[in-house]
Amino acid sequence: MLQLVTVTVTRGQEPLVLQQVAEAGHNDIQDHADYRVSLERFLR
């Protein structure tokens, strides 16, 4: 089951969200990327 996250992501904004995560100094960029892949599969 796809777990919902509190970040609202619309098509075309994924790189911006990843950039914000990186700028915040988090180390979960890979987890965020995995979520993005799941989201892209869900949107297809």
PDB file of N, CA and C in Angstrom:
ATOM      1  N   MET A   1       0.846  -1.201   0.000  1.00  0.00           N
ATOM      2  CA  MET A   1       0.000   0.000   0.000  1.00  0.00           C
ATOM      3  C   MET A   1       0.876   1.243   0.000  1.00  0.00           C
ATOM      4  N   LEU A   2       0.492   2.216  -0.801  1.00  0.00           N
ATOM      5  CA  LEU A   2       1.260   3.455  -0.884  1.00  0.00           C
ATOM      6  C   LEU A   2       0.992   4.310   0.340  1.00  0.00           C
ATOM      7  N   GLN A   3       2.059   4.594   1.078  1.00  0.00           N
ATOM      8  CA  GLN A   3       1.905   5.399   2.291  1.00  0.00           C
ATOM      9  C   GLN A   3       1.815   6.873   1.926  1.00  0.00           C
ATOM     10  N   LEU A   4       0.822   7.547   2.496  1.00  0.00           N
ATOM     11  CA  LEU A   4       0.656   8.968   2.214  1.00  0.00           C
ATOM     12  C   LEU A   4       1.660   9.788   3.003  1.00  0.00           C
ATOM     13  N   VAL A   5       2.144  10.847   2.392  1.00  0.00           N
ATOM     14  CA  VAL A   5       3.065  11.748   3.082  1.00  0.00           C
ATOM     15  C   VAL A   5       2.438  13.127   3.137  1.00  0.00           C
ATOM     16  N   THR A   6       2.968  13.981   4.006  1.00  0.00           N
ATOM     17  CA  THR A   6       2.361  15.296   4.204  1.00  0.00           C
ATOM     18  C   THR A   6       2.765  16.287   3.112  1.00  0.00           C
ATOM     19  N   VAL A   7       3.690  15.875   2.249  1.00  0.00           N
ATOM     20  CA  VAL A   7       4.129  16.776   1.178  1.00  0.00           C
ATOM     21  C   VAL A   7       3.215  16.605  -0.027  1.00  0.00           C
ATOM     22  N   THR A   8       2.619  17.685  -0.467  1.00  0.00           N
ATOM     23  CA  THR A   8       1.767  17.636  -1.652  1.00  0.00           C
ATOM     24  C   THR A   8       2.643  17.800  -2.888  1.00  0.00           C
ATOM     25  N   VAL A   9       2.604  16.812  -3.770  1.00  0.00           N
ATOM     26  CA  VAL A   9       3.437  16.836  -4.968  1.00  0.00           C
ATOM     27  C   VAL A   9       2.538  16.757  -6.192  1.00  0.00           C
ATOM     28  N   THR A  10       2.707  17.720  -7.080  1.00  0.00           N
ATOM     29  CA  THR A  10       1.984  17.671  -8.346  1.00  0.00           C
ATOM     30  C   THR A  10       2.982  17.424  -9.466  1.00  0.00           C
ATOM     31  N   ARG A  11       2.506  17.002 -10.593  1.00  0.00           N
ATOM     32  CA  ARG A  11       3.403  16.680 -11.696  1.00  0.00           C
ATOM     33  C   ARG A  11       4.241  17.904 -12.076  1.00  0.00           C
ATOM     34  N   GLY A  12       5.534  17.658 -12.280  1.00  0.00           N
ATOM     35  CA  GLY A  12       6.435  18.719 -12.679  1.00  0.00           C
ATOM     36  C   GLY A  12       7.142  19.382 -11.513  1.00  0.00           C
ATOM     37  N   GLN A  13       6.761  19.047 -10.283  1.00  0.00           N
ATOM     38  CA  GLN A  13       7.378  19.689  -9.129  1.00  0.00           C
ATOM     39  C   GLN A  13       8.304  18.758  -8.361  1.00  0.00           C
ATOM     40  N   GLU A  14       8.428  17.511  -8.803  1.00  0.00           N
ATOM     41  CA  GLU A  14       9.246  16.556  -8.064  1.00  0.00           C
ATOM     42  C   GLU A  14      10.681  17.050  -7.862  1.00  0.00           C
ATOM     43  N   PRO A  15      11.368  17.545  -8.905  1.00  0.00           N
ATOM     44  CA  PRO A  15      12.746  18.008  -8.690  1.00  0.00           C
ATOM     45  C   PRO A  15      12.823  19.131  -7.655  1.00  0.00           C
ATOM     46  N   LEU A  16      11.839  20.015  -7.636  1.00  0.00           N
ATOM     47  CA  LEU A  16      11.832  21.112  -6.682  1.00  0.00           C
ATOM     48  C   LEU A  16      11.724  20.577  -5.260  1.00  0.00           C
ATOM     49  N   VAL A  17      10.857  19.590  -5.069  1.00  0.00           N
ATOM     50  CA  VAL A  17      10.708  18.997  -3.735  1.00  0.00           C
ATOM     51  C   VAL A  17      12.008  18.329  -3.316  1.00  0.00           C
ATOM     52  N   LEU A  18      12.648  17.608  -4.230  1.00  0.00           N
ATOM     53  CA  LEU A  18      13.917  16.956  -3.906  1.00  0.00           C
ATOM     54  C   LEU A  18      14.967  17.998  -3.552  1.00  0.00           C
ATOM     55  N   GLN A  19      14.956  19.128  -4.255  1.00  0.00           N
ATOM     56  CA  GLN A  19      15.919  20.184  -3.968  1.00  0.00           C
ATOM     57  C   GLN A  19      15.678  20.755  -2.575  1.00  0.00           C
ATOM     58  N   GLN A  20      14.412  20.945  -2.217  1.00  0.00           N
ATOM     59  CA  GLN A  20      14.086  21.474  -0.897  1.00  0.00           C
ATOM     60  C   GLN A  20      14.551  20.518   0.191  1.00  0.00           C
ATOM     61  N   VAL A  21      14.363  19.210  -0.049  1.00  0.00           N
ATOM     62  CA  VAL A  21      14.818  18.218   0.926  1.00  0.00           C
ATOM     63  C   VAL A  21      16.335  18.297   1.082  1.00  0.00           C
ATOM     64  N   ALA A  22      17.035  18.447  -0.037  1.00  0.00           N
ATOM     65  CA  ALA A  22      18.495  18.514   0.015  1.00  0.00           C
ATOM     66  C   ALA A  22      18.944  19.774   0.759  1.00  0.00           C
ATOM     67  N   GLU A  23      18.300  20.894   0.483  1.00  0.00           N
ATOM     68  CA  GLU A  23      18.683  22.148   1.120  1.00  0.00           C
ATOM     69  C   GLU A  23      18.397  22.117   2.618  1.00  0.00           C
ATOM     70  N   ALA A  24      17.413  21.319   3.013  1.00  0.00           N
ATOM     71  CA  ALA A  24      17.076  21.237   4.433  1.00  0.00           C
ATOM     72  C   ALA A  24      18.112  20.416   5.197  1.00  0.00           C
ATOM     73  N   GLY A  25      18.998  19.749   4.477  1.00  0.00           N
ATOM     74  CA  GLY A  25      20.059  18.996   5.119  1.00  0.00           C
ATOM     75  C   GLY A  25      19.646  17.605   5.542  1.00  0.00           C
ATOM     76  N   HIS A  26      18.558  17.100   4.977  1.00  0.00           N
ATOM     77  CA  HIS A  26      18.120  15.755   5.339  1.00  0.00           C
ATOM     78  C   HIS A  26      18.968  14.716   4.607  1.00  0.00           C
ATOM     79  N   ASN A  27      18.999  13.527   5.165  1.00  0.00           N
ATOM     80  CA  ASN A  27      19.753  12.431   4.565  1.00  0.00           C
ATOM     81  C   ASN A  27      18.830  11.391   3.955  1.00  0.00           C
ATOM     82  N   ASP A  28      17.548  11.732   3.808  1.00  0.00           N
ATOM     83  CA  ASP A  28      16.584  10.756   3.304  1.00  0.00           C
ATOM     84  C   ASP A  28      16.205  11.055   1.855  1.00  0.00           C
ATOM     85  N   ILE A  29      17.159  11.599   1.098  1.00  0.00           N
ATOM     86  CA  ILE A  29      16.866  11.921  -0.303  1.00  0.00           C
ATOM     87  C   ILE A  29      16.541  10.645  -1.075  1.00  0.00           C
ATOM     88  N   GLN A  30      17.249   9.555  -0.764  1.00  0.00           N
ATOM     89  CA  GLN A  30      16.979   8.299  -1.461  1.00  0.00           C
ATOM     90  C   GLN A  30      15.573   7.809  -1.145  1.00  0.00           C
ATOM     91  N   ASP A  31      15.170   7.922   0.121  1.00  0.00           N
ATOM     92  CA  ASP A  31      13.811   7.524   0.483  1.00  0.00           C
ATOM     93  C   ASP A  31      12.801   8.388  -0.251  1.00  0.00           C
ATOM     94  N   HIS A  32      13.095   9.672  -0.372  1.00  0.00           N
ATOM     95  CA  HIS A  32      12.191  10.577  -1.073  1.00  0.00           C
ATOM     96  C   HIS A  32      12.124  10.204  -2.552  1.00  0.00           C
ATOM     97  N   ALA A  33      13.272   9.834  -3.111  1.00  0.00           N
ATOM     98  CA  ALA A  33      13.296   9.423  -4.517  1.00  0.00           C
ATOM     99  C   ALA A  33      12.487   8.143  -4.710  1.00  0.00           C
ATOM    100  N   ASP A  34      12.583   7.224  -3.738  1.00  0.00           N
ATOM    101  CA  ASP A  34      11.795   5.995  -3.827  1.00  0.00           C
ATOM    102  C   ASP A  34      10.313   6.324  -3.790  1.00  0.00           C
ATOM    103  N   TYR A  35       9.938   7.293  -2.962  1.00  0.00           N
ATOM    104  CA  TYR A  35       8.539   7.726  -2.905  1.00  0.00           C
ATOM    105  C   TYR A  35       8.129   8.338  -4.231  1.00  0.00           C
ATOM    106  N   ARG A  36       9.020   9.108  -4.834  1.00  0.00           N
ATOM    107  CA  ARG A  36       8.709   9.740  -6.113  1.00  0.00           C
ATOM    108  C   ARG A  36       8.445   8.679  -7.181  1.00  0.00           C
ATOM    109  N   VAL A  37       9.251   7.637  -7.186  1.00  0.00           N
ATOM    110  CA  VAL A  37       9.049   6.558  -8.156  1.00  0.00           C
ATOM    111  C   VAL A  37       7.698   5.903  -7.928  1.00  0.00           C
ATOM    112  N   SER A  38       7.369   5.671  -6.663  1.00  0.00           N
ATOM    113  CA  SER A  38       6.073   5.068  -6.348  1.00  0.00           C
ATOM    114  C   SER A  38       4.942   5.977  -6.798  1.00  0.00           C
ATOM    115  N   LEU A  39       5.108   7.280  -6.583  1.00  0.00           N
ATOM    116  CA  LEU A  39       4.083   8.241  -6.976  1.00  0.00           C
ATOM    117  C   LEU A  39       3.914   8.265  -8.488  1.00  0.00           C
ATOM    118  N   GLU A  40       5.047   8.237  -9.197  1.00  0.00           N
ATOM    119  CA  GLU A  40       4.970   8.253 -10.660  1.00  0.00           C
ATOM    120  C   GLU A  40       4.255   7.017 -11.182  1.00  0.00           C
ATOM    121  N   ARG A  41       4.515   5.863 -10.553  1.00  0.00           N
ATOM    122  CA  ARG A  41       3.817   4.644 -10.966  1.00  0.00           C
ATOM    123  C   ARG A  41       2.329   4.762 -10.661  1.00  0.00           C
ATOM    124  N   PHE A  42       2.011   5.395  -9.538  1.00  0.00           N
ATOM    125  CA  PHE A  42       0.611   5.559  -9.135  1.00  0.00           C
ATOM    126  C   PHE A  42      -0.127   6.505 -10.087  1.00  0.00           C
ATOM    127  N   LEU A  43       0.575   7.516 -10.595  1.00  0.00           N
ATOM    128  CA  LEU A  43      -0.065   8.501 -11.467  1.00  0.00           C
ATOM    129  C   LEU A  43      -0.246   7.988 -12.889  1.00  0.00           C
ATOM    130  N   ARG A  44       0.445   6.909 -13.248  1.00  0.00           N
ATOM    131  CA  ARG A  44       0.346   6.411 -14.627  1.00  0.00           C
ATOM    132  C   ARG A  44      -1.031   5.837 -14.921  1.00  0.00           C
TER     133      ARG A  44
END
